[in-house]
Protein backbone atom coordinates (compact mmCIF):
# COMPACT_ATOMS: atom_id res chain seq x y z
CA MET A 1 29.51 -47.93 -40.22
CA LYS A 2 28.76 -44.44 -41.56
CA LYS A 3 25.05 -44.79 -40.67
CA LYS A 4 25.91 -45.68 -37.07
CA ASN A 5 28.21 -42.66 -36.79
CA LYS A 6 25.42 -40.36 -38.03
CA LYS A 7 23.02 -41.78 -35.45
CA LYS A 8 25.57 -41.14 -32.70
CA LYS A 9 26.21 -37.57 -33.85
CA ARG A 10 22.52 -36.55 -33.84
CA PRO A 11 21.93 -37.07 -30.09
CA ALA A 12 25.26 -35.37 -29.35
CA ARG A 13 24.31 -32.31 -31.41
CA PHE A 14 20.88 -32.11 -29.79
CA PHE A 15 22.44 -32.37 -26.34
CA ARG A 16 24.91 -29.56 -27.15
CA PHE A 17 22.03 -27.45 -28.46
CA ILE A 18 20.09 -27.90 -25.20
CA ILE A 19 23.18 -26.98 -23.15
CA SER A 20 23.74 -23.88 -25.31
CA VAL A 21 20.13 -22.75 -24.88
CA PHE A 22 20.36 -23.30 -21.12
CA ILE A 23 23.58 -21.31 -20.82
CA LEU A 24 22.13 -18.51 -22.94
CA GLY A 25 19.03 -18.42 -20.72
CA VAL A 26 21.15 -18.22 -17.57
CA LEU A 27 23.22 -15.39 -19.04
CA LEU A 28 20.10 -13.47 -20.05
CA ILE A 29 18.58 -13.83 -16.57
CA ALA A 30 21.87 -12.83 -14.96
CA GLY A 31 22.13 -9.77 -17.20
CA PHE A 32 18.50 -8.88 -16.50
CA ALA A 33 19.05 -9.14 -12.74
CA ALA A 34 22.31 -7.17 -12.91
CA PHE A 35 20.57 -4.34 -14.76
CA TYR A 36 17.82 -3.98 -12.14
CA LEU A 37 20.34 -4.19 -9.33
CA VAL A 38 21.54 -0.72 -10.35
CA TYR A 39 18.52 0.71 -12.18
CA PRO A 40 16.52 2.68 -11.16
CA ASP A 41 18.53 4.73 -8.67
CA VAL A 42 16.40 4.27 -5.56
CA SER A 43 18.77 6.32 -3.41
CA LYS A 44 17.32 9.49 -4.97
CA ILE A 45 14.01 9.05 -3.17
CA ARG A 46 15.63 8.74 0.24
CA LYS A 47 15.09 12.49 0.66
CA GLN A 48 13.72 13.65 -2.69
CA ASN A 49 9.97 13.19 -3.25
CA PRO A 50 9.09 11.56 -6.59
CA GLY A 51 7.05 13.47 -9.13
CA LYS A 52 4.85 11.64 -11.61
CA THR A 53 5.27 7.90 -11.13
CA SER A 54 5.40 5.14 -13.73
CA PHE A 55 1.96 3.98 -12.62
CA MET A 56 0.49 7.49 -13.07
CA GLU A 57 1.94 7.68 -16.58
CA TYR A 58 0.49 4.25 -17.36
CA ARG A 59 -2.98 5.41 -16.28
CA GLU A 60 -2.68 8.62 -18.30
CA ASN A 61 -1.85 6.62 -21.43
CA GLU A 62 -4.74 4.27 -20.67
CA TYR A 63 -7.20 7.17 -20.26
CA ARG A 64 -5.93 8.78 -23.45
CA ALA A 65 -6.31 5.56 -25.44
CA LYS A 66 -9.91 5.21 -24.24
CA GLY A 67 -10.71 8.86 -24.91
CA ARG A 68 -11.32 9.60 -21.23
CA LYS A 69 -10.48 13.12 -20.08
CA ILE A 70 -9.23 12.40 -16.58
CA LYS A 71 -6.49 14.44 -14.94
CA ILE A 72 -4.19 13.05 -12.30
CA GLN A 73 -4.96 14.45 -8.84
CA HIS A 74 -1.94 14.22 -6.57
CA ASN A 75 -0.88 16.39 -3.63
CA TRP A 76 2.25 15.42 -1.71
CA VAL A 77 2.15 15.73 2.09
CA PRO A 78 4.64 14.60 4.75
CA LEU A 79 3.78 11.60 6.92
CA SER A 80 3.09 13.97 9.82
CA SER A 81 0.19 15.43 7.79
CA ILE A 82 -1.53 12.07 7.34
CA SER A 83 -3.94 10.80 9.97
CA PRO A 84 -2.41 8.06 12.13
CA TYR A 85 -5.75 6.30 11.73
CA LEU A 86 -5.13 5.98 8.00
CA MET A 87 -1.62 4.66 8.54
CA LYS A 88 -2.90 1.98 10.92
CA ALA A 89 -5.91 1.09 8.77
CA VAL A 90 -3.79 0.67 5.64
CA LEU A 91 -1.26 -1.50 7.46
CA ILE A 92 -4.03 -3.72 8.84
CA ALA A 93 -5.70 -4.04 5.44
CA GLU A 94 -2.65 -4.41 3.20
CA ASP A 95 0.40 -5.52 5.16
CA ASP A 96 -0.02 -6.31 8.85
CA LYS A 97 3.59 -7.55 9.13
CA PHE A 98 5.07 -4.44 7.53
CA TRP A 99 7.30 -3.51 10.47
CA LYS A 100 8.65 -7.07 10.82
CA HIS A 101 9.41 -8.31 7.30
CA HIS A 102 12.19 -7.20 4.94
CA GLY A 103 10.03 -6.51 1.92
CA PHE A 104 8.43 -9.93 1.43
CA ASP A 105 5.79 -11.81 3.40
CA LYS A 106 6.69 -15.47 2.81
CA GLU A 107 3.45 -16.77 4.29
CA ALA A 108 1.31 -14.50 2.11
CA ILE A 109 3.33 -15.41 -0.99
CA GLN A 110 2.85 -19.12 -0.28
CA LYS A 111 -0.91 -18.72 0.13
CA ALA A 112 -1.11 -16.67 -3.07
CA PHE A 113 0.90 -19.29 -4.96
CA GLU A 114 -1.44 -22.05 -3.78
CA LYS A 115 -4.50 -20.05 -4.88
CA ASN A 116 -2.88 -19.39 -8.26
CA LEU A 117 -2.36 -23.11 -8.72
CA GLU A 118 -5.96 -23.83 -7.80
CA SER A 119 -7.36 -21.22 -10.19
CA GLY A 120 -4.84 -21.90 -12.94
CA LYS A 121 -4.26 -18.16 -13.31
CA PHE A 122 -1.49 -15.80 -12.24
CA LYS A 123 -3.70 -13.42 -10.26
CA LEU A 124 -2.74 -13.12 -6.60
CA GLY A 125 0.74 -12.06 -5.62
CA GLY A 126 0.70 -11.65 -1.83
CA SER A 127 2.35 -8.25 -2.28
CA THR A 128 3.60 -6.26 0.69
CA ILE A 129 3.45 -2.47 0.88
CA SER A 130 7.11 -2.37 -0.18
CA GLN A 131 6.30 -4.42 -3.29
CA GLN A 132 3.27 -2.26 -4.07
CA LEU A 133 5.42 0.85 -3.73
CA THR A 134 7.90 -0.59 -6.24
CA LYS A 135 5.07 -1.27 -8.69
CA ASN A 136 3.65 2.24 -8.27
CA LEU A 137 6.97 4.04 -8.60
CA TYR A 138 8.69 2.12 -11.40
CA LEU A 139 6.47 -0.52 -13.02
CA THR A 140 2.94 -1.16 -14.36
CA PRO A 141 -0.03 -3.23 -13.16
CA ALA A 142 0.89 -6.05 -15.56
CA LYS A 143 0.76 -9.48 -13.91
CA ASN A 144 3.45 -11.72 -15.36
CA PRO A 145 6.59 -13.49 -14.06
CA VAL A 146 8.99 -11.00 -15.68
CA ARG A 147 7.32 -8.02 -14.02
CA LYS A 148 7.26 -9.85 -10.70
CA LEU A 149 11.00 -10.55 -11.01
CA LYS A 150 11.68 -6.84 -11.60
CA GLU A 151 9.47 -6.05 -8.62
CA ALA A 152 11.33 -8.48 -6.37
CA ILE A 153 14.76 -7.07 -7.21
CA ILE A 154 13.77 -3.41 -6.82
CA THR A 155 11.82 -4.14 -3.62
CA TRP A 156 14.88 -5.77 -2.09
CA ARG A 157 16.88 -2.63 -2.96
CA LEU A 158 14.21 -0.30 -1.53
CA GLU A 159 14.26 -2.16 1.78
CA LYS A 160 18.06 -1.95 1.87
CA THR A 161 18.13 1.78 1.05
CA LEU A 162 15.10 3.34 2.75
CA SER A 163 13.73 3.32 6.28
CA LYS A 164 10.36 1.71 6.96
CA ARG A 165 8.93 5.12 7.82
CA ARG A 166 10.06 6.54 4.47
CA ILE A 167 8.63 3.56 2.59
CA LEU A 168 5.26 4.09 4.29
CA GLU A 169 5.35 7.83 3.57
CA LEU A 170 6.09 7.20 -0.11
CA TYR A 171 3.40 4.54 -0.40
CA LEU A 172 0.65 6.65 1.16
CA ASN A 173 1.52 9.49 -1.20
CA VAL A 174 1.55 7.56 -4.48
CA VAL A 175 -0.94 4.71 -4.06
CA GLU A 176 -3.98 4.81 -6.39
CA TRP A 177 -7.31 5.62 -4.69
CA GLY A 178 -9.70 5.91 -7.63
CA ASP A 179 -9.75 7.13 -11.22
CA GLY A 180 -6.98 9.72 -11.44
CA ILE A 181 -6.67 9.95 -7.64
CA PHE A 182 -3.25 9.23 -6.17
CA GLY A 183 -2.12 9.62 -2.59
CA ALA A 184 -3.83 10.09 0.76
CA GLU A 185 -4.26 13.87 0.49
CA ALA A 186 -6.03 13.78 -2.89
CA ALA A 187 -8.15 10.81 -1.75
CA ALA A 188 -9.22 12.49 1.51
CA ARG A 189 -10.18 15.73 -0.22
CA ARG A 190 -11.99 13.95 -3.08
CA HIS A 191 -13.93 11.44 -1.01
CA PHE A 192 -14.45 13.30 2.28
CA GLY A 193 -13.78 16.96 1.51
CA LYS A 194 -11.04 17.30 4.12
CA PRO A 195 -7.23 17.00 4.39
CA ALA A 196 -5.66 13.62 5.10
CA ALA A 197 -4.65 14.80 8.58
CA ALA A 198 -8.32 15.21 9.58
CA LEU A 199 -9.56 11.75 8.60
CA THR A 200 -11.50 9.90 11.30
CA ALA A 201 -10.98 6.23 12.10
CA GLU A 202 -14.09 5.19 10.16
CA GLU A 203 -13.12 7.25 7.10
CA ALA A 204 -9.61 5.80 7.23
CA ALA A 205 -11.03 2.27 7.41
CA LYS A 206 -13.14 2.91 4.30
CA LEU A 207 -10.18 4.21 2.31
CA ALA A 208 -8.09 1.21 3.38
CA ALA A 209 -10.91 -1.19 2.49
CA ALA A 210 -10.98 0.09 -1.10
CA LEU A 211 -7.27 -0.48 -1.78
CA PRO A 212 -7.46 -3.95 -3.38
CA ASN A 213 -9.24 -2.36 -6.34
CA PRO A 214 -9.77 1.39 -5.74
CA ARG A 215 -11.24 2.03 -9.19
CA ARG A 216 -13.93 -0.59 -8.61
CA TYR A 217 -14.66 -0.31 -4.90
CA ARG A 218 -16.11 3.04 -3.83
CA VAL A 219 -16.00 4.67 -0.41
CA ASP A 220 -19.22 6.67 -0.87
CA GLY A 221 -21.40 4.03 0.79
CA THR A 222 -22.51 2.33 -2.44
CA SER A 223 -20.10 -0.60 -2.21
CA GLN A 224 -21.21 -3.38 0.15
CA TYR A 225 -17.73 -4.89 -0.01
CA VAL A 226 -16.11 -1.67 1.24
CA GLU A 227 -18.70 -1.23 3.99
CA ARG A 228 -18.22 -4.78 5.28
CA ARG A 229 -14.43 -4.73 5.05
CA ALA A 230 -14.24 -1.26 6.64
CA LYS A 231 -16.18 -2.54 9.66
CA VAL A 232 -13.72 -5.42 10.05
CA ILE A 233 -10.73 -3.06 9.82
CA TYR A 234 -12.33 -0.64 12.28
CA SER A 235 -13.08 -3.44 14.75
CA ILE A 236 -9.44 -4.57 14.62
CA MET A 237 -8.33 -0.99 15.26
CA ALA A 238 -10.67 -0.84 18.26
CA LYS A 239 -9.44 -4.18 19.65
CA ARG A 240 -5.84 -3.01 19.41
CA GLY A 241 -6.63 0.22 21.20
CA ILE A 242 -5.87 2.35 18.15
CA VAL A 243 -9.32 3.91 18.44
CA VAL A 244 -11.70 4.07 21.39
CA PRO A 245 -15.27 4.05 19.97
CA GLU A 246 -16.84 5.85 22.94
CA TYR A 247 -14.29 8.67 22.70
CA GLU A 248 -14.88 8.93 18.95
CA GLU A 249 -18.60 9.42 19.58
CA VAL A 250 -17.94 12.18 22.09
CA VAL A 251 -15.57 14.00 19.74
CA ALA A 252 -17.86 13.62 16.72
CA GLY A 253 -21.05 14.55 18.60
CA PRO A 254 -22.57 18.07 18.72
CA PRO A 255 -21.34 20.38 21.48
CA GLU A 256 -23.48 20.33 24.58
CA GLU A 257 -24.72 23.45 26.29
CA THR A 258 -22.56 24.46 29.21
CA ALA A 259 -24.47 24.85 32.46
CA VAL A 260 -24.11 28.19 34.18
CA PRO A 261 -22.14 27.59 37.42
CA LYS A 262 -23.89 28.43 40.64
CA PRO A 263 -22.34 30.95 43.00
CA ALA A 264 -19.90 29.29 45.37
CA THR A 265 -21.04 28.72 48.94
CA ASN A 266 -18.90 28.63 52.02
CA GLU A 267 -18.87 24.82 51.87
CA THR A 268 -17.68 24.53 48.26
CA GLU A 269 -15.70 27.65 47.51
CA ASN A 270 -12.43 26.08 48.62
CA LEU A 271 -12.85 22.92 46.49
CA GLN A 272 -10.73 22.80 43.36
CA PRO A 273 -12.02 21.00 40.21
CA ALA A 274 -10.28 17.72 39.49
CA LYS A 275 -7.74 17.85 36.68
CA GLU A 276 -8.87 16.00 33.58
CA THR A 277 -6.60 13.34 32.20
CA PRO A 278 -6.47 13.51 28.40
CA VAL A 279 -7.74 10.38 26.68
CA SER A 280 -5.34 9.00 24.08
CA ASP A 281 -7.11 7.62 21.03
CA GLN A 282 -3.98 6.81 19.09
CA GLN A 283 -1.08 4.49 19.57
CA ASP A 284 2.41 5.81 19.20
CA PRO A 285 3.72 5.05 15.71
CA LYS A 286 5.93 2.03 15.60
């Protein structure tokens, strides 16, 4: 009889152990989620511009560990000082549904999940601009489920706290655009020798094309991937009326010599020149 009782007690103990582990796991996840529901304080960046981000610090430590003397280049500018072409190009390249979703693109996440299953690796995340901003501000480039959970919670809070316009402004000012280069202003000056406000549609398309891996893909014409992808982005911009190619050529071309007007005759002196209608090469921001 004693042997039978021992056999009955073993499964019961194992079952209680499994239940205990499950409850402990649930409590840990709940505590983890609760912590990131209040930390960091995202309300601070509603009006206050962030300084050095977590991602910048991560890169600095990485450079230091490898003995590379690279300084962070970062110049904050308001959204009004960034070319509308760059805004549109980045949205097309990185998050075409930015104005519609609430921080997460379900379709992109599903496609990424399917590709991860096929490859057997946790590589693609289908991240939106809001998710990328969270990673840049508060996290690291690590790709693991725990980091993605942190990202999801903080992204949800960012979308609840900030306007879409502010999220885009923050993103364009902190996103990585090469070794030690962060933000649109630093990228424009480094790659094209001009402020972000003066970027042309083609230059904007090249910068946007490099974003999947800005330390690998170069915008100096040596990367075939960037050149091909930039052409696709530019063509989409043209189709949507964001840029009119013919107008771009006129603006970018050398100034023509102005013909000396002939003296007015009796037949033409009363004719007034037709008023020119300005050509709009940009869409109003959404």
